[in-house]
């Protein structure tokens, strides 16, 4: 009798583990997607899988974006051959400049003094490159 209960318990545990495998895999490997676009036109073309914000200038090149599909967190980088500052001072001021995601192309450090806000994005210019990030909302 004890053996049957033990076997039933093991079978139930195996069933629960197999059914929750997708959830566990999602937790270990969140649904993060990256995209590289040569130009802004490419970012709106038929092969574009992640949309970029409208404030990215038309002459932007080497546009990189990484986004977590569950949370909406995103980081974005583009180069501009004729860079101009953009955005307005953040309200409240940006003191935490830690982006919600990271990648090899993301700078190690961003000065809070260089951060402006556009829509829901924080934007910083370093030379002719712009780095932007957006905090999504936690999944329900």
Protein backbone atom coordinates (compact mmCIF):
# COMPACT_ATOMS: atom_id res chain seq x y z
CA UNK A 1 0.00 0.00 0.00
CA UNK A 2 2.79 2.42 0.93
CA UNK A 3 4.57 1.52 -2.27
CA UNK A 4 1.53 2.39 -4.41
CA UNK A 5 1.17 5.74 -2.66
CA UNK A 6 4.86 6.43 -3.21
CA UNK A 7 4.62 5.53 -6.92
CA UNK A 8 1.49 7.67 -7.30
CA UNK A 9 3.28 10.58 -5.65
CA UNK A 10 6.29 10.21 -7.95
CA UNK A 11 4.03 10.02 -11.01
CA UNK A 12 2.11 13.13 -9.92
CA UNK A 13 5.36 15.02 -9.33
CA UNK A 14 6.66 14.03 -12.76
CA UNK A 15 3.39 15.13 -14.38
CA UNK A 16 3.46 18.52 -12.65
CA UNK A 17 7.12 19.01 -13.57
CA UNK A 18 6.49 18.20 -17.23
CA UNK A 19 3.47 20.50 -17.44
CA UNK A 20 5.32 23.39 -15.82
CA UNK A 21 8.41 22.96 -18.01
CA UNK A 22 7.40 25.81 -20.33
CA UNK A 23 6.92 28.15 -17.41
CA UNK A 24 10.26 27.16 -15.95
CA UNK A 25 11.99 27.57 -19.33
CA UNK A 26 10.42 31.01 -19.72
CA UNK A 27 11.65 32.03 -16.29
CA UNK A 28 15.18 30.82 -17.02
CA UNK A 29 15.22 32.23 -20.56
CA UNK A 30 12.91 35.25 -20.80
CA UNK A 31 11.42 36.06 -24.21
CA UNK A 32 14.03 38.64 -25.22
CA UNK A 33 14.40 39.50 -28.88
CA UNK A 34 17.14 41.55 -30.55
CA UNK A 35 17.18 43.21 -33.93
CA UNK A 36 19.75 45.13 -35.97
CA UNK A 37 18.60 47.51 -38.70
CA UNK A 38 21.02 49.26 -41.07
CA UNK A 39 18.68 52.26 -41.49
CA UNK A 40 15.38 53.58 -40.17
CA UNK A 41 13.74 52.48 -43.43
CA UNK A 42 14.83 48.89 -42.70
CA UNK A 43 13.25 49.16 -39.26
CA UNK A 44 9.86 49.67 -40.88
CA UNK A 45 10.37 47.14 -43.67
CA UNK A 46 8.79 43.71 -44.09
CA UNK A 47 11.55 41.94 -42.11
CA UNK A 48 11.28 44.21 -39.08
CA UNK A 49 10.21 42.28 -36.00
CA UNK A 50 10.61 44.97 -33.33
CA UNK A 51 9.32 48.46 -33.95
CA UNK A 52 11.47 51.44 -33.07
CA UNK A 53 10.17 54.67 -31.53
CA UNK A 54 9.17 57.50 -33.84
CA UNK A 55 11.70 59.89 -32.31
CA UNK A 56 14.60 57.97 -33.89
CA UNK A 57 15.75 60.36 -36.66
CA UNK A 58 15.38 59.47 -40.33
CA UNK A 59 19.15 59.56 -40.87
CA UNK A 60 19.85 57.08 -38.05
CA UNK A 61 22.04 54.12 -38.97
CA UNK A 62 23.13 50.91 -37.28
CA UNK A 63 19.99 50.77 -35.16
CA UNK A 64 20.07 48.05 -32.51
CA UNK A 65 17.14 47.19 -30.29
CA UNK A 66 16.61 44.54 -27.65
CA UNK A 67 13.23 44.00 -26.02
CA UNK A 68 11.67 41.72 -23.45
CA UNK A 69 8.29 40.78 -24.93
CA UNK A 70 6.79 39.97 -21.51
CA UNK A 71 7.75 43.12 -19.63
CA UNK A 72 8.21 45.68 -22.40
CA UNK A 73 11.68 46.56 -21.11
CA UNK A 74 13.86 47.69 -24.01
CA UNK A 75 17.25 49.14 -24.89
CA UNK A 76 18.01 50.93 -28.14
CA UNK A 77 21.13 52.30 -29.83
CA UNK A 78 21.60 54.21 -33.05
CA UNK A 79 24.32 56.23 -34.70
CA UNK A 80 23.62 59.58 -36.30
CA UNK A 81 26.02 61.18 -38.80
CA UNK A 82 24.78 64.65 -37.76
CA UNK A 83 23.80 64.25 -34.10
CA UNK A 84 21.71 66.83 -32.32
CA UNK A 85 20.60 66.65 -28.71
CA UNK A 86 17.03 65.52 -28.30
CA UNK A 87 14.38 65.29 -25.63
CA UNK A 88 13.75 67.37 -22.55
CA UNK A 89 14.88 67.16 -18.97
CA UNK A 90 13.35 64.19 -17.20
CA UNK A 91 10.73 64.91 -14.57
CA UNK A 92 11.71 63.73 -12.03
CA UNK A 93 15.40 63.96 -13.00
CA UNK A 94 17.05 60.69 -14.01
CA UNK A 95 19.24 59.63 -11.11
CA UNK A 96 19.16 55.88 -11.74
CA UNK A 97 20.57 55.36 -15.23
CA UNK A 98 20.61 51.58 -15.03
CA UNK A 99 18.99 50.18 -18.14
CA UNK A 100 16.58 47.25 -17.70
CA UNK A 101 18.53 45.05 -20.14
CA UNK A 102 22.15 44.74 -21.17
CA UNK A 103 24.16 43.73 -24.23
CA UNK A 104 27.72 43.87 -25.51
CA UNK A 105 26.98 47.08 -27.43
CA UNK A 106 25.53 48.85 -24.38
CA UNK A 107 27.90 51.31 -22.63
CA UNK A 108 29.27 50.37 -19.23
CA UNK A 109 28.39 53.75 -17.80
CA UNK A 110 25.98 56.57 -18.61
CA UNK A 111 26.20 59.92 -16.87
CA UNK A 112 22.90 61.03 -15.29
CA UNK A 113 23.68 64.56 -16.54
CA UNK A 114 23.47 63.36 -20.14
CA UNK A 115 19.98 61.84 -19.89
CA UNK A 116 16.89 63.39 -21.47
CA UNK A 117 13.38 61.97 -21.72
CA UNK A 118 11.21 61.45 -24.77
CA UNK A 119 7.83 59.75 -24.43
CA UNK A 120 8.52 56.89 -21.99
CA UNK A 121 12.17 56.60 -23.02
CA UNK A 122 15.39 57.81 -21.39
CA UNK A 123 17.96 58.92 -24.00
CA UNK A 124 21.66 59.67 -23.70
CA UNK A 125 24.09 60.81 -26.39
CA UNK A 126 27.71 59.69 -26.32
CA UNK A 127 29.54 61.24 -29.28
CA UNK A 128 27.49 60.44 -32.39
CA UNK A 129 25.75 57.46 -30.78
CA UNK A 130 22.47 57.55 -28.90
CA UNK A 131 21.49 55.08 -26.21
CA UNK A 132 17.89 54.84 -25.05
CA UNK A 133 16.00 52.63 -22.65
CA UNK A 134 12.44 52.09 -21.62
CA UNK A 135 11.13 50.40 -18.52
CA UNK A 136 8.13 48.24 -19.33
CA UNK A 137 5.52 47.12 -16.87
CA UNK A 138 5.80 43.86 -14.96
CA UNK A 139 3.89 40.93 -16.35
CA UNK A 140 0.66 40.22 -14.54
